[in-house]
Full PDB file with SEQRES, HELIX, SHEET, SSBOND, CRYST1, ORIGX, SCALE, CONECT and MASTER records, all heavy atoms in Angstrom:
SEQRES   1 A   42  GLN SER GLU GLU GLN GLY ILE VAL LEU ARG PHE GLY LYS          
SEQRES   2 A   42  TYR VAL SER HIS SER ASP PRO GLY LEU ASN TYR HIS LEU          
SEQRES   3 A   42  PRO TYR PRO ILE GLU THR VAL LEU LEU PRO LYS VAL LEU          
SEQRES   4 A   42  ARG VAL SER                                                  
SHEET    1 AA1 3 LYS A  13  SER A  18  0                                        
SHEET    2 AA1 3 GLY A   6  ARG A  10 -1                                        
SHEET    3 AA1 3 GLU A  31  LEU A  34 -1                                        
CRYST1    1.000    1.000    1.000  90.00  90.00  90.00 P 1           1          
ORIGX1      1.000000  0.000000  0.000000        0.00000                         
ORIGX2      0.000000  1.000000  0.000000        0.00000                         
ORIGX3      0.000000  0.000000  1.000000        0.00000                         
SCALE1      1.000000  0.000000  0.000000        0.00000                         
SCALE2      0.000000  1.000000  0.000000        0.00000                         
SCALE3      0.000000  0.000000  1.000000        0.00000                         
ATOM      1  N   GLN A   1      -8.439  -7.267 -21.112  1.00  0.00           N  
ATOM      2  CA  GLN A   1      -8.019  -6.116 -21.899  1.00  0.00           C  
ATOM      3  C   GLN A   1      -7.554  -6.548 -23.301  1.00  0.00           C  
ATOM      4  O   GLN A   1      -7.407  -7.718 -23.595  1.00  0.00           O  
ATOM      5  CB  GLN A   1      -6.904  -5.345 -21.170  1.00  0.00           C  
ATOM      6  CG  GLN A   1      -7.297  -4.861 -19.802  1.00  0.00           C  
ATOM      7  CD  GLN A   1      -8.447  -3.853 -19.842  1.00  0.00           C  
ATOM      8  OE1 GLN A   1      -8.598  -3.090 -20.802  1.00  0.00           O  
ATOM      9  NE2 GLN A   1      -9.272  -3.864 -18.789  1.00  0.00           N  
ATOM     10  N   SER A   2      -7.366  -5.517 -24.155  1.00  0.00           N  
ATOM     11  CA  SER A   2      -7.035  -5.817 -25.573  1.00  0.00           C  
ATOM     12  C   SER A   2      -5.723  -6.556 -25.736  1.00  0.00           C  
ATOM     13  O   SER A   2      -5.569  -7.345 -26.667  1.00  0.00           O  
ATOM     14  CB  SER A   2      -7.021  -4.505 -26.347  1.00  0.00           C  
ATOM     15  OG  SER A   2      -6.048  -3.615 -25.829  1.00  0.00           O  
ATOM     16  N   GLU A   3      -4.746  -6.329 -24.895  1.00  0.00           N  
ATOM     17  CA  GLU A   3      -3.455  -6.971 -25.034  1.00  0.00           C  
ATOM     18  C   GLU A   3      -3.323  -8.237 -24.164  1.00  0.00           C  
ATOM     19  O   GLU A   3      -2.261  -8.822 -24.102  1.00  0.00           O  
ATOM     20  CB  GLU A   3      -2.331  -5.996 -24.683  1.00  0.00           C  
ATOM     21  CG  GLU A   3      -2.354  -5.552 -23.234  1.00  0.00           C  
ATOM     22  CD  GLU A   3      -1.185  -4.683 -22.875  1.00  0.00           C  
ATOM     23  OE1 GLU A   3      -0.379  -4.394 -23.765  1.00  0.00           O  
ATOM     24  OE2 GLU A   3      -1.084  -4.308 -21.687  1.00  0.00           O  
ATOM     25  N   GLU A   4      -4.425  -8.616 -23.519  1.00  0.00           N  
ATOM     26  CA  GLU A   4      -4.383  -9.750 -22.602  1.00  0.00           C  
ATOM     27  C   GLU A   4      -5.153 -10.942 -23.189  1.00  0.00           C  
ATOM     28  O   GLU A   4      -5.871 -10.830 -24.189  1.00  0.00           O  
ATOM     29  CB  GLU A   4      -4.991  -9.373 -21.252  1.00  0.00           C  
ATOM     30  CG  GLU A   4      -4.267  -8.275 -20.519  1.00  0.00           C  
ATOM     31  CD  GLU A   4      -4.990  -7.868 -19.253  1.00  0.00           C  
ATOM     32  OE1 GLU A   4      -6.207  -8.160 -19.152  1.00  0.00           O  
ATOM     33  OE2 GLU A   4      -4.379  -7.247 -18.382  1.00  0.00           O  
ATOM     34  N   GLN A   5      -4.961 -12.059 -22.507  1.00  0.00           N  
ATOM     35  CA  GLN A   5      -5.728 -13.281 -22.802  1.00  0.00           C  
ATOM     36  C   GLN A   5      -6.091 -13.942 -21.495  1.00  0.00           C  
ATOM     37  O   GLN A   5      -5.234 -14.109 -20.621  1.00  0.00           O  
ATOM     38  CB  GLN A   5      -4.951 -14.236 -23.688  1.00  0.00           C  
ATOM     39  CG  GLN A   5      -5.753 -15.445 -24.155  1.00  0.00           C  
ATOM     40  CD  GLN A   5      -4.931 -16.351 -25.062  1.00  0.00           C  
ATOM     41  OE1 GLN A   5      -3.813 -16.719 -24.723  1.00  0.00           O  
ATOM     42  NE2 GLN A   5      -5.491 -16.745 -26.192  1.00  0.00           N  
ATOM     43  N   GLY A   6      -7.380 -14.315 -21.341  1.00  0.00           N  
ATOM     44  CA  GLY A   6      -7.793 -14.953 -20.082  1.00  0.00           C  
ATOM     45  C   GLY A   6      -7.564 -16.430 -20.085  1.00  0.00           C  
ATOM     46  O   GLY A   6      -7.972 -17.156 -21.000  1.00  0.00           O  
ATOM     47  N   ILE A   7      -6.875 -16.913 -19.053  1.00  0.00           N  
ATOM     48  CA  ILE A   7      -6.588 -18.338 -18.879  1.00  0.00           C  
ATOM     49  C   ILE A   7      -7.392 -18.804 -17.662  1.00  0.00           C  
ATOM     50  O   ILE A   7      -7.127 -18.422 -16.524  1.00  0.00           O  
ATOM     51  CB  ILE A   7      -5.079 -18.583 -18.671  1.00  0.00           C  
ATOM     52  CG1 ILE A   7      -4.290 -18.011 -19.839  1.00  0.00           C  
ATOM     53  CG2 ILE A   7      -4.822 -20.061 -18.495  1.00  0.00           C  
ATOM     54  CD1 ILE A   7      -4.629 -18.626 -21.175  1.00  0.00           C  
ATOM     55  N   VAL A   8      -8.406 -19.640 -17.920  1.00  0.00           N  
ATOM     56  CA  VAL A   8      -9.339 -20.086 -16.868  1.00  0.00           C  
ATOM     57  C   VAL A   8      -8.815 -21.367 -16.254  1.00  0.00           C  
ATOM     58  O   VAL A   8      -8.479 -22.331 -16.987  1.00  0.00           O  
ATOM     59  CB  VAL A   8     -10.757 -20.287 -17.457  1.00  0.00           C  
ATOM     60  CG1 VAL A   8     -11.714 -20.759 -16.368  1.00  0.00           C  
ATOM     61  CG2 VAL A   8     -11.273 -18.994 -18.092  1.00  0.00           C  
ATOM     62  N   LEU A   9      -8.730 -21.402 -14.935  1.00  0.00           N  
ATOM     63  CA  LEU A   9      -8.243 -22.562 -14.196  1.00  0.00           C  
ATOM     64  C   LEU A   9      -9.384 -23.090 -13.332  1.00  0.00           C  
ATOM     65  O   LEU A   9     -10.079 -22.325 -12.647  1.00  0.00           O  
ATOM     66  CB  LEU A   9      -7.053 -22.187 -13.300  1.00  0.00           C  
ATOM     67  CG  LEU A   9      -5.874 -21.489 -13.978  1.00  0.00           C  
ATOM     68  CD1 LEU A   9      -4.813 -21.171 -12.949  1.00  0.00           C  
ATOM     69  CD2 LEU A   9      -5.310 -22.329 -15.101  1.00  0.00           C  
ATOM     70  N   ARG A  10      -9.623 -24.386 -13.337  1.00  0.00           N  
ATOM     71  CA  ARG A  10     -10.611 -25.053 -12.504  1.00  0.00           C  
ATOM     72  C   ARG A  10      -9.904 -25.889 -11.470  1.00  0.00           C  
ATOM     73  O   ARG A  10      -9.264 -26.887 -11.822  1.00  0.00           O  
ATOM     74  CB  ARG A  10     -11.558 -25.881 -13.339  1.00  0.00           C  
ATOM     75  CG  ARG A  10     -12.655 -26.549 -12.547  1.00  0.00           C  
ATOM     76  CD  ARG A  10     -13.613 -27.248 -13.495  1.00  0.00           C  
ATOM     77  NE  ARG A  10     -14.250 -26.268 -14.415  1.00  0.00           N  
ATOM     78  CZ  ARG A  10     -14.913 -26.614 -15.511  1.00  0.00           C  
ATOM     79  NH1 ARG A  10     -15.025 -27.902 -15.834  1.00  0.00           N  
ATOM     80  NH2 ARG A  10     -15.452 -25.678 -16.267  1.00  0.00           N  
ATOM     81  N   PHE A  11      -9.954 -25.418 -10.240  1.00  0.00           N  
ATOM     82  CA  PHE A  11      -9.208 -26.058  -9.161  1.00  0.00           C  
ATOM     83  C   PHE A  11      -7.713 -26.150  -9.501  1.00  0.00           C  
ATOM     84  O   PHE A  11      -7.063 -27.147  -9.237  1.00  0.00           O  
ATOM     85  CB  PHE A  11      -9.777 -27.438  -8.822  1.00  0.00           C  
ATOM     86  CG  PHE A  11     -11.187 -27.405  -8.359  1.00  0.00           C  
ATOM     87  CD1 PHE A  11     -12.217 -27.939  -9.135  1.00  0.00           C  
ATOM     88  CD2 PHE A  11     -11.500 -26.833  -7.125  1.00  0.00           C  
ATOM     89  CE1 PHE A  11     -13.526 -27.877  -8.697  1.00  0.00           C  
ATOM     90  CE2 PHE A  11     -12.817 -26.782  -6.678  1.00  0.00           C  
ATOM     91  CZ  PHE A  11     -13.825 -27.323  -7.472  1.00  0.00           C  
ATOM     92  N   GLY A  12      -7.177 -25.092 -10.170  1.00  0.00           N  
ATOM     93  CA  GLY A  12      -5.767 -25.014 -10.502  1.00  0.00           C  
ATOM     94  C   GLY A  12      -5.366 -25.644 -11.804  1.00  0.00           C  
ATOM     95  O   GLY A  12      -4.210 -25.585 -12.185  1.00  0.00           O  
ATOM     96  N   LYS A  13      -6.318 -26.276 -12.528  1.00  0.00           N  
ATOM     97  CA  LYS A  13      -6.020 -26.939 -13.783  1.00  0.00           C  
ATOM     98  C   LYS A  13      -6.570 -26.111 -14.943  1.00  0.00           C  
ATOM     99  O   LYS A  13      -7.702 -25.631 -14.896  1.00  0.00           O  
ATOM    100  CB  LYS A  13      -6.601 -28.338 -13.826  1.00  0.00           C  
ATOM    101  CG  LYS A  13      -6.313 -29.104 -15.111  1.00  0.00           C  
ATOM    102  CD  LYS A  13      -6.936 -30.487 -15.076  1.00  0.00           C  
ATOM    103  CE  LYS A  13      -6.675 -31.249 -16.373  1.00  0.00           C  
ATOM    104  NZ  LYS A  13      -7.303 -32.574 -16.378  1.00  0.00           N  
ATOM    105  N   TYR A  14      -5.746 -25.970 -16.008  1.00  0.00           N  
ATOM    106  CA  TYR A  14      -6.170 -25.177 -17.176  1.00  0.00           C  
ATOM    107  C   TYR A  14      -7.333 -25.889 -17.885  1.00  0.00           C  
ATOM    108  O   TYR A  14      -7.264 -27.079 -18.186  1.00  0.00           O  
ATOM    109  CB  TYR A  14      -5.000 -24.992 -18.133  1.00  0.00           C  
ATOM    110  CG  TYR A  14      -5.377 -24.472 -19.489  1.00  0.00           C  
ATOM    111  CD1 TYR A  14      -5.776 -23.128 -19.649  1.00  0.00           C  
ATOM    112  CD2 TYR A  14      -5.399 -25.298 -20.587  1.00  0.00           C  
ATOM    113  CE1 TYR A  14      -6.144 -22.642 -20.899  1.00  0.00           C  
ATOM    114  CE2 TYR A  14      -5.761 -24.831 -21.841  1.00  0.00           C  
ATOM    115  CZ  TYR A  14      -6.135 -23.494 -21.991  1.00  0.00           C  
ATOM    116  OH  TYR A  14      -6.502 -23.018 -23.208  1.00  0.00           O  
ATOM    117  N   VAL A  15      -8.399 -25.102 -18.162  1.00  0.00           N  
ATOM    118  CA  VAL A  15      -9.554 -25.691 -18.836  1.00  0.00           C  
ATOM    119  C   VAL A  15      -9.903 -24.927 -20.138  1.00  0.00           C  
ATOM    120  O   VAL A  15     -10.362 -25.529 -21.111  1.00  0.00           O  
ATOM    121  CB  VAL A  15     -10.798 -25.712 -17.932  1.00  0.00           C  
ATOM    122  CG1 VAL A  15     -10.597 -26.710 -16.831  1.00  0.00           C  
ATOM    123  CG2 VAL A  15     -11.098 -24.310 -17.361  1.00  0.00           C  
ATOM    124  N   SER A  16      -9.681 -23.626 -20.196  1.00  0.00           N  
ATOM    125  CA  SER A  16     -10.040 -22.873 -21.411  1.00  0.00           C  
ATOM    126  C   SER A  16      -9.362 -21.505 -21.351  1.00  0.00           C  
ATOM    127  O   SER A  16      -8.730 -21.138 -20.366  1.00  0.00           O  
ATOM    128  CB  SER A  16     -11.573 -22.675 -21.510  1.00  0.00           C  
ATOM    129  OG  SER A  16     -12.052 -21.908 -20.435  1.00  0.00           O  
ATOM    130  N   HIS A  17      -9.517 -20.779 -22.458  1.00  0.00           N  
ATOM    131  CA  HIS A  17      -8.995 -19.411 -22.518  1.00  0.00           C  
ATOM    132  C   HIS A  17     -10.089 -18.509 -23.077  1.00  0.00           C  
ATOM    133  O   HIS A  17     -11.023 -18.978 -23.737  1.00  0.00           O  
ATOM    134  CB  HIS A  17      -7.757 -19.317 -23.405  1.00  0.00           C  
ATOM    135  CG  HIS A  17      -8.023 -19.585 -24.859  1.00  0.00           C  
ATOM    136  ND1 HIS A  17      -8.076 -20.843 -25.380  1.00  0.00           N  
ATOM    137  CD2 HIS A  17      -8.258 -18.733 -25.887  1.00  0.00           C  
ATOM    138  CE1 HIS A  17      -8.341 -20.769 -26.655  1.00  0.00           C  
ATOM    139  NE2 HIS A  17      -8.457 -19.511 -27.005  1.00  0.00           N  
ATOM    140  N   SER A  18     -10.001 -17.229 -22.821  1.00  0.00           N  
ATOM    141  CA  SER A  18     -11.012 -16.263 -23.230  1.00  0.00           C  
ATOM    142  C   SER A  18     -10.353 -15.099 -23.947  1.00  0.00           C  
ATOM    143  O   SER A  18      -9.212 -14.769 -23.700  1.00  0.00           O  
ATOM    144  CB  SER A  18     -11.801 -15.770 -22.014  1.00  0.00           C  
ATOM    145  OG  SER A  18     -10.896 -15.223 -21.047  1.00  0.00           O  
ATOM    146  N   ASP A  19     -11.141 -14.501 -24.861  1.00  0.00           N  
ATOM    147  CA  ASP A  19     -10.673 -13.384 -25.684  1.00  0.00           C  
ATOM    148  C   ASP A  19     -10.944 -12.077 -24.972  1.00  0.00           C  
ATOM    149  O   ASP A  19     -11.693 -12.028 -23.966  1.00  0.00           O  
ATOM    150  CB  ASP A  19     -11.349 -13.418 -27.043  1.00  0.00           C  
ATOM    151  CG  ASP A  19     -10.991 -14.684 -27.828  1.00  0.00           C  
ATOM    152  OD1 ASP A  19      -9.846 -15.157 -27.670  1.00  0.00           O  
ATOM    153  OD2 ASP A  19     -11.856 -15.178 -28.595  1.00  0.00           O  
ATOM    154  N   PRO A  20     -10.372 -10.970 -25.477  1.00  0.00           N  
ATOM    155  CA  PRO A  20     -10.609  -9.658 -24.852  1.00  0.00           C  
ATOM    156  C   PRO A  20     -12.099  -9.327 -24.798  1.00  0.00           C  
ATOM    157  O   PRO A  20     -12.867  -9.635 -25.720  1.00  0.00           O  
ATOM    158  CB  PRO A  20      -9.837  -8.691 -25.740  1.00  0.00           C  
ATOM    159  CG  PRO A  20      -8.743  -9.531 -26.319  1.00  0.00           C  
ATOM    160  CD  PRO A  20      -9.334 -10.889 -26.525  1.00  0.00           C  
ATOM    161  N   GLY A  21     -12.508  -8.689 -23.717  1.00  0.00           N  
ATOM    162  CA  GLY A  21     -13.901  -8.323 -23.488  1.00  0.00           C  
ATOM    163  C   GLY A  21     -14.393  -8.806 -22.128  1.00  0.00           C  
ATOM    164  O   GLY A  21     -13.603  -9.250 -21.269  1.00  0.00           O  
ATOM    165  N   LEU A  22     -15.702  -8.735 -21.912  1.00  0.00           N  
ATOM    166  CA  LEU A  22     -16.306  -9.172 -20.646  1.00  0.00           C  
ATOM    167  C   LEU A  22     -16.575 -10.665 -20.720  1.00  0.00           C  
ATOM    168  O   LEU A  22     -17.249 -11.154 -21.650  1.00  0.00           O  
ATOM    169  CB  LEU A  22     -17.590  -8.409 -20.389  1.00  0.00           C  
ATOM    170  CG  LEU A  22     -18.286  -8.686 -19.062  1.00  0.00           C  
ATOM    171  CD1 LEU A  22     -17.389  -8.290 -17.887  1.00  0.00           C  
ATOM    172  CD2 LEU A  22     -19.637  -7.933 -19.004  1.00  0.00           C  
ATOM    173  N   ASN A  23     -16.087 -11.426 -19.754  1.00  0.00           N  
ATOM    174  CA  ASN A  23     -16.246 -12.878 -19.744  1.00  0.00           C  
ATOM    175  C   ASN A  23     -16.701 -13.326 -18.343  1.00  0.00           C  
ATOM    176  O   ASN A  23     -16.759 -12.529 -17.412  1.00  0.00           O  
ATOM    177  CB  ASN A  23     -14.910 -13.556 -20.098  1.00  0.00           C  
ATOM    178  CG  ASN A  23     -14.456 -13.227 -21.518  1.00  0.00           C  
ATOM    179  OD1 ASN A  23     -14.817 -13.857 -22.477  1.00  0.00           O  
ATOM    180  ND2 ASN A  23     -13.617 -12.175 -21.643  1.00  0.00           N  
ATOM    181  N   TYR A  24     -16.991 -14.620 -18.256  1.00  0.00           N  
ATOM    182  CA  TYR A  24     -17.490 -15.150 -16.999  1.00  0.00           C  
ATOM    183  C   TYR A  24     -16.870 -16.527 -16.749  1.00  0.00           C  
ATOM    184  O   TYR A  24     -16.638 -17.317 -17.665  1.00  0.00           O  
ATOM    185  CB  TYR A  24     -19.034 -15.307 -17.030  1.00  0.00           C  
ATOM    186  CG  TYR A  24     -19.604 -15.825 -15.743  1.00  0.00           C  
ATOM    187  CD1 TYR A  24     -19.798 -14.990 -14.667  1.00  0.00           C  
ATOM    188  CD2 TYR A  24     -19.933 -17.178 -15.611  1.00  0.00           C  
ATOM    189  CE1 TYR A  24     -20.323 -15.446 -13.475  1.00  0.00           C  
ATOM    190  CE2 TYR A  24     -20.457 -17.652 -14.420  1.00  0.00           C  
ATOM    191  CZ  TYR A  24     -20.656 -16.797 -13.352  1.00  0.00           C  
ATOM    192  OH  TYR A  24     -21.156 -17.277 -12.182  1.00  0.00           O  
ATOM    193  N   HIS A  25     -16.547 -16.780 -15.515  1.00  0.00           N  
ATOM    194  CA  HIS A  25     -16.086 -18.096 -15.061  1.00  0.00           C  
ATOM    195  C   HIS A  25     -16.765 -18.421 -13.737  1.00  0.00           C  
ATOM    196  O   HIS A  25     -17.302 -17.534 -13.068  1.00  0.00           O  
ATOM    197  CB  HIS A  25     -14.558 -18.130 -14.919  1.00  0.00           C  
ATOM    198  CG  HIS A  25     -14.049 -17.271 -13.789  1.00  0.00           C  
ATOM    199  ND1 HIS A  25     -14.023 -17.676 -12.487  1.00  0.00           N  
ATOM    200  CD2 HIS A  25     -13.547 -16.009 -13.810  1.00  0.00           C  
ATOM    201  CE1 HIS A  25     -13.524 -16.722 -11.740  1.00  0.00           C  
ATOM    202  NE2 HIS A  25     -13.240 -15.673 -12.503  1.00  0.00           N  
ATOM    203  N   LEU A  26     -16.761 -19.681 -13.412  1.00  0.00           N  
ATOM    204  CA  LEU A  26     -17.374 -20.084 -12.149  1.00  0.00           C  
ATOM    205  C   LEU A  26     -16.660 -19.385 -10.992  1.00  0.00           C  
ATOM    206  O   LEU A  26     -15.437 -19.252 -11.005  1.00  0.00           O  
ATOM    207  CB  LEU A  26     -17.291 -21.613 -11.990  1.00  0.00           C  
ATOM    208  CG  LEU A  26     -18.098 -22.429 -13.025  1.00  0.00           C  
ATOM    209  CD1 LEU A  26     -17.893 -23.905 -12.766  1.00  0.00           C  
ATOM    210  CD2 LEU A  26     -19.590 -22.050 -12.988  1.00  0.00           C  
ATOM    211  N   PRO A  27     -17.424 -18.955  -9.986  1.00  0.00           N  
ATOM    212  CA  PRO A  27     -16.810 -18.129  -8.939  1.00  0.00           C  
ATOM    213  C   PRO A  27     -15.722 -18.890  -8.180  1.00  0.00           C  
ATOM    214  O   PRO A  27     -15.651 -20.122  -8.172  1.00  0.00           O  
ATOM    215  CB  PRO A  27     -17.999 -17.761  -8.037  1.00  0.00           C  
ATOM    216  CG  PRO A  27     -19.199 -17.959  -8.899  1.00  0.00           C  
ATOM    217  CD  PRO A  27     -18.875 -19.090  -9.806  1.00  0.00           C  
ATOM    218  N   TYR A  28     -14.877 -18.105  -7.549  1.00  0.00           N  
ATOM    219  CA  TYR A  28     -13.833 -18.635  -6.661  1.00  0.00           C  
ATOM    220  C   TYR A  28     -14.508 -19.382  -5.521  1.00  0.00           C  
ATOM    221  O   TYR A  28     -15.538 -18.935  -5.016  1.00  0.00           O  
ATOM    222  CB  TYR A  28     -12.971 -17.474  -6.162  1.00  0.00           C  
ATOM    223  CG  TYR A  28     -11.877 -17.892  -5.231  1.00  0.00           C  
ATOM    224  CD1 TYR A  28     -10.659 -18.329  -5.710  1.00  0.00           C  
ATOM    225  CD2 TYR A  28     -12.071 -17.868  -3.839  1.00  0.00           C  
ATOM    226  CE1 TYR A  28      -9.649 -18.719  -4.863  1.00  0.00           C  
ATOM    227  CE2 TYR A  28     -11.091 -18.275  -2.992  1.00  0.00           C  
ATOM    228  CZ  TYR A  28      -9.850 -18.685  -3.499  1.00  0.00           C  
ATOM    229  OH  TYR A  28      -8.863 -19.072  -2.639  1.00  0.00           O  
ATOM    230  N   PRO A  29     -13.997 -20.513  -5.073  1.00  0.00           N  
ATOM    231  CA  PRO A  29     -12.704 -21.125  -5.422  1.00  0.00           C  
ATOM    232  C   PRO A  29     -12.794 -22.203  -6.501  1.00  0.00           C  
ATOM    233  O   PRO A  29     -11.833 -22.971  -6.659  1.00  0.00           O  
ATOM    234  CB  PRO A  29     -12.251 -21.733  -4.103  1.00  0.00           C  
ATOM    235  CG  PRO A  29     -13.554 -22.169  -3.482  1.00  0.00           C  
ATOM    236  CD  PRO A  29     -14.579 -21.164  -3.904  1.00  0.00           C  
ATOM    237  N   ILE A  30     -13.924 -22.282  -7.200  1.00  0.00           N  
ATOM    238  CA  ILE A  30     -14.039 -23.325  -8.229  1.00  0.00           C  
ATOM    239  C   ILE A  30     -13.120 -23.018  -9.412  1.00  0.00           C  
ATOM    240  O   ILE A  30     -12.333 -23.830  -9.844  1.00  0.00           O  
ATOM    241  CB  ILE A  30     -15.509 -23.454  -8.665  1.00  0.00           C  
ATOM    242  CG1 ILE A  30     -16.397 -23.833  -7.470  1.00  0.00           C  
ATOM    243  CG2 ILE A  30     -15.646 -24.522  -9.754  1.00  0.00           C  
ATOM    244  CD1 ILE A  30     -17.875 -23.870  -7.824  1.00  0.00           C  
ATOM    245  N   GLU A  31     -13.290 -21.797  -9.935  1.00  0.00           N  
ATOM    246  CA  GLU A  31     -12.456 -21.409 -11.055  1.00  0.00           C  
ATOM    247  C   GLU A  31     -11.830 -20.071 -10.787  1.00  0.00           C  
ATOM    248  O   GLU A  31     -12.417 -19.200 -10.120  1.00  0.00           O  
ATOM    249  CB  GLU A  31     -13.308 -21.322 -12.362  1.00  0.00           C  
ATOM    250  CG  GLU A  31     -13.730 -22.673 -12.903  1.00  0.00           C  
ATOM    251  CD  GLU A  31     -14.487 -22.557 -14.215  1.00  0.00           C  
ATOM    252  OE1 GLU A  31     -14.806 -21.398 -14.611  1.00  0.00           O  
ATOM    253  OE2 GLU A  31     -14.742 -23.591 -14.843  1.00  0.00           O  
ATOM    254  N   THR A  32     -10.629 -19.887 -11.319  1.00  0.00           N  
ATOM    255  CA  THR A  32      -9.900 -18.627 -11.260  1.00  0.00           C  
ATOM    256  C   THR A  32      -9.402 -18.288 -12.650  1.00  0.00           C  
ATOM    257  O   THR A  32      -9.424 -19.124 -13.549  1.00  0.00           O  
ATOM    258  CB  THR A  32      -8.720 -18.697 -10.275  1.00  0.00           C  
ATOM    259  OG1 THR A  32      -7.856 -19.754 -10.683  1.00  0.00           O  
ATOM    260  CG2 THR A  32      -9.190 -18.921  -8.851  1.00  0.00           C  
ATOM    261  N   VAL A  33      -8.946 -17.074 -12.851  1.00  0.00           N  
ATOM    262  CA  VAL A  33      -8.499 -16.629 -14.162  1.00  0.00           C  
ATOM    263  C   VAL A  33      -7.161 -15.885 -13.994  1.00  0.00           C  
ATOM    264  O   VAL A  33      -6.947 -15.167 -13.032  1.00  0.00           O  
ATOM    265  CB  VAL A  33      -9.535 -15.718 -14.824  1.00  0.00           C  
ATOM    266  CG1 VAL A  33      -9.755 -14.447 -14.027  1.00  0.00           C  
ATOM    267  CG2 VAL A  33      -9.149 -15.381 -16.255  1.00  0.00           C  
ATOM    268  N   LEU A  34      -6.282 -16.156 -14.965  1.00  0.00           N  
ATOM    269  CA  LEU A  34      -5.021 -15.446 -15.070  1.00  0.00           C  
ATOM    270  C   LEU A  34      -5.047 -14.618 -16.354  1.00  0.00           C  
ATOM    271  O   LEU A  34      -5.590 -15.040 -17.382  1.00  0.00           O  
ATOM    272  CB  LEU A  34      -3.833 -16.414 -15.105  1.00  0.00           C  
ATOM    273  CG  LEU A  34      -3.693 -17.325 -13.892  1.00  0.00           C  
ATOM    274  CD1 LEU A  34      -2.538 -18.316 -14.085  1.00  0.00           C  
ATOM    275  CD2 LEU A  34      -3.458 -16.495 -12.626  1.00  0.00           C  
ATOM    276  N   LEU A  35      -4.426 -13.443 -16.330  1.00  0.00           N  
ATOM    277  CA  LEU A  35      -4.484 -12.499 -17.448  1.00  0.00           C  
ATOM    278  C   LEU A  35      -3.082 -12.144 -17.925  1.00  0.00           C  
ATOM    279  O   LEU A  35      -2.588 -11.037 -17.677  1.00  0.00           O  
ATOM    280  CB  LEU A  35      -5.250 -11.234 -17.032  1.00  0.00           C  
ATOM    281  CG  LEU A  35      -6.690 -11.462 -16.576  1.00  0.00           C  
ATOM    282  CD1 LEU A  35      -7.269 -10.170 -16.038  1.00  0.00           C  
ATOM    283  CD2 LEU A  35      -7.542 -12.016 -17.703  1.00  0.00           C  
ATOM    284  N   PRO A  36      -2.397 -13.033 -18.638  1.00  0.00           N  
ATOM    285  CA  PRO A  36      -1.073 -12.685 -19.181  1.00  0.00           C  
ATOM    286  C   PRO A  36      -1.214 -11.727 -20.367  1.00  0.00           C  
ATOM    287  O   PRO A  36      -2.177 -11.800 -21.129  1.00  0.00           O  
ATOM    288  CB  PRO A  36      -0.494 -14.043 -19.619  1.00  0.00           C  
ATOM    289  CG  PRO A  36      -1.696 -14.864 -19.899  1.00  0.00           C  
ATOM    290  CD  PRO A  36      -2.770 -14.427 -18.925  1.00  0.00           C  
ATOM    291  N   LYS A  37      -0.237 -10.839 -20.527  1.00  0.00           N  
ATOM    292  CA  LYS A  37      -0.250  -9.863 -21.623  1.00  0.00           C  
ATOM    293  C   LYS A  37       0.437 -10.501 -22.838  1.00  0.00           C  
ATOM    294  O   LYS A  37       1.642 -10.438 -23.013  1.00  0.00           O  
ATOM    295  CB  LYS A  37       0.455  -8.603 -21.195  1.00  0.00           C  
ATOM    296  CG  LYS A  37      -0.206  -7.910 -19.996  1.00  0.00           C  
ATOM    297  CD  LYS A  37       0.485  -6.617 -19.631  1.00  0.00           C  
ATOM    298  CE  LYS A  37      -0.181  -5.983 -18.417  1.00  0.00           C  
ATOM    299  NZ  LYS A  37      -1.593  -5.632 -18.645  1.00  0.00           N  
ATOM    300  N   VAL A  38      -0.393 -11.113 -23.708  1.00  0.00           N  
ATOM    301  CA  VAL A  38       0.151 -11.889 -24.831  1.00  0.00           C  
ATOM    302  C   VAL A  38       0.608 -11.013 -25.985  1.00  0.00           C  
ATOM    303  O   VAL A  38       1.367 -11.475 -26.857  1.00  0.00           O  
ATOM    304  CB  VAL A  38      -0.923 -12.902 -25.330  1.00  0.00           C  
ATOM    305  CG1 VAL A  38      -1.202 -13.927 -24.251  1.00  0.00           C  
ATOM    306  CG2 VAL A  38      -2.203 -12.194 -25.733  1.00  0.00           C  
ATOM    307  N   LEU A  39       0.159  -9.760 -26.077  1.00  0.00           N  
ATOM    308  CA  LEU A  39       0.533  -8.897 -27.174  1.00  0.00           C  
ATOM    309  C   LEU A  39       1.629  -7.913 -26.823  1.00  0.00           C  
ATOM    310  O   LEU A  39       2.095  -7.157 -27.679  1.00  0.00           O  
ATOM    311  CB  LEU A  39      -0.695  -8.096 -27.678  1.00  0.00           C  
ATOM    312  CG  LEU A  39      -1.847  -8.944 -28.253  1.00  0.00           C  
ATOM    313  CD1 LEU A  39      -2.965  -8.033 -28.737  1.00  0.00           C  
ATOM    314  CD2 LEU A  39      -1.357  -9.825 -29.386  1.00  0.00           C  
ATOM    315  N   ARG A  40       2.055  -7.894 -25.591  1.00  0.00           N  
ATOM    316  CA  ARG A  40       3.107  -6.964 -25.176  1.00  0.00           C  
ATOM    317  C   ARG A  40       4.486  -7.516 -25.574  1.00  0.00           C  
ATOM    318  O   ARG A  40       4.811  -8.670 -25.266  1.00  0.00           O  
ATOM    319  CB  ARG A  40       3.061  -6.722 -23.671  1.00  0.00           C  
ATOM    320  CG  ARG A  40       4.052  -5.656 -23.191  1.00  0.00           C  
ATOM    321  CD  ARG A  40       3.941  -5.432 -21.724  1.00  0.00           C  
ATOM    322  NE  ARG A  40       4.309  -6.629 -20.974  1.00  0.00           N  
ATOM    323  CZ  ARG A  40       4.241  -6.731 -19.643  1.00  0.00           C  
ATOM    324  NH1 ARG A  40       3.788  -5.692 -18.937  1.00  0.00           N  
ATOM    325  NH2 ARG A  40       4.578  -7.844 -19.036  1.00  0.00           N  
ATOM    326  N   VAL A  41       5.255  -6.693 -26.283  1.00  0.00           N  
ATOM    327  CA  VAL A  41       6.614  -7.081 -26.719  1.00  0.00           C  
ATOM    328  C   VAL A  41       7.587  -6.625 -25.648  1.00  0.00           C  
ATOM    329  O   VAL A  41       7.668  -5.422 -25.322  1.00  0.00           O  
ATOM    330  CB  VAL A  41       6.958  -6.479 -28.063  1.00  0.00           C  
ATOM    331  CG1 VAL A  41       8.400  -6.845 -28.486  1.00  0.00           C  
ATOM    332  CG2 VAL A  41       5.964  -6.926 -29.145  1.00  0.00           C  
ATOM    333  N   SER A  42       8.314  -7.575 -25.104  1.00  0.00           N  
ATOM    334  CA  SER A  42       9.281  -7.278 -24.045  1.00  0.00           C  
ATOM    335  C   SER A  42      10.663  -7.181 -24.657  1.00  0.00           C  
ATOM    336  O   SER A  42      11.006  -7.884 -25.608  1.00  0.00           O  
ATOM    337  CB  SER A  42       9.265  -8.352 -22.968  1.00  0.00           C  
ATOM    338  OG  SER A  42       7.978  -8.463 -22.399  1.00  0.00           O  
TER     339      SER A  42                                                      
MASTER        0    0    0    0    3    0    0    6  338    1    0    4          
END                                                                             
């Protein structure tokens, strides 16, 4: 989403990040993605 950033993990290790939009990573369980809201002000 627009306020998020994709953090790609390969076997639990950070490898790259992705910008808002449609993206692709290797399927589970090889890679997973976390989506923290980097633009949200708390």
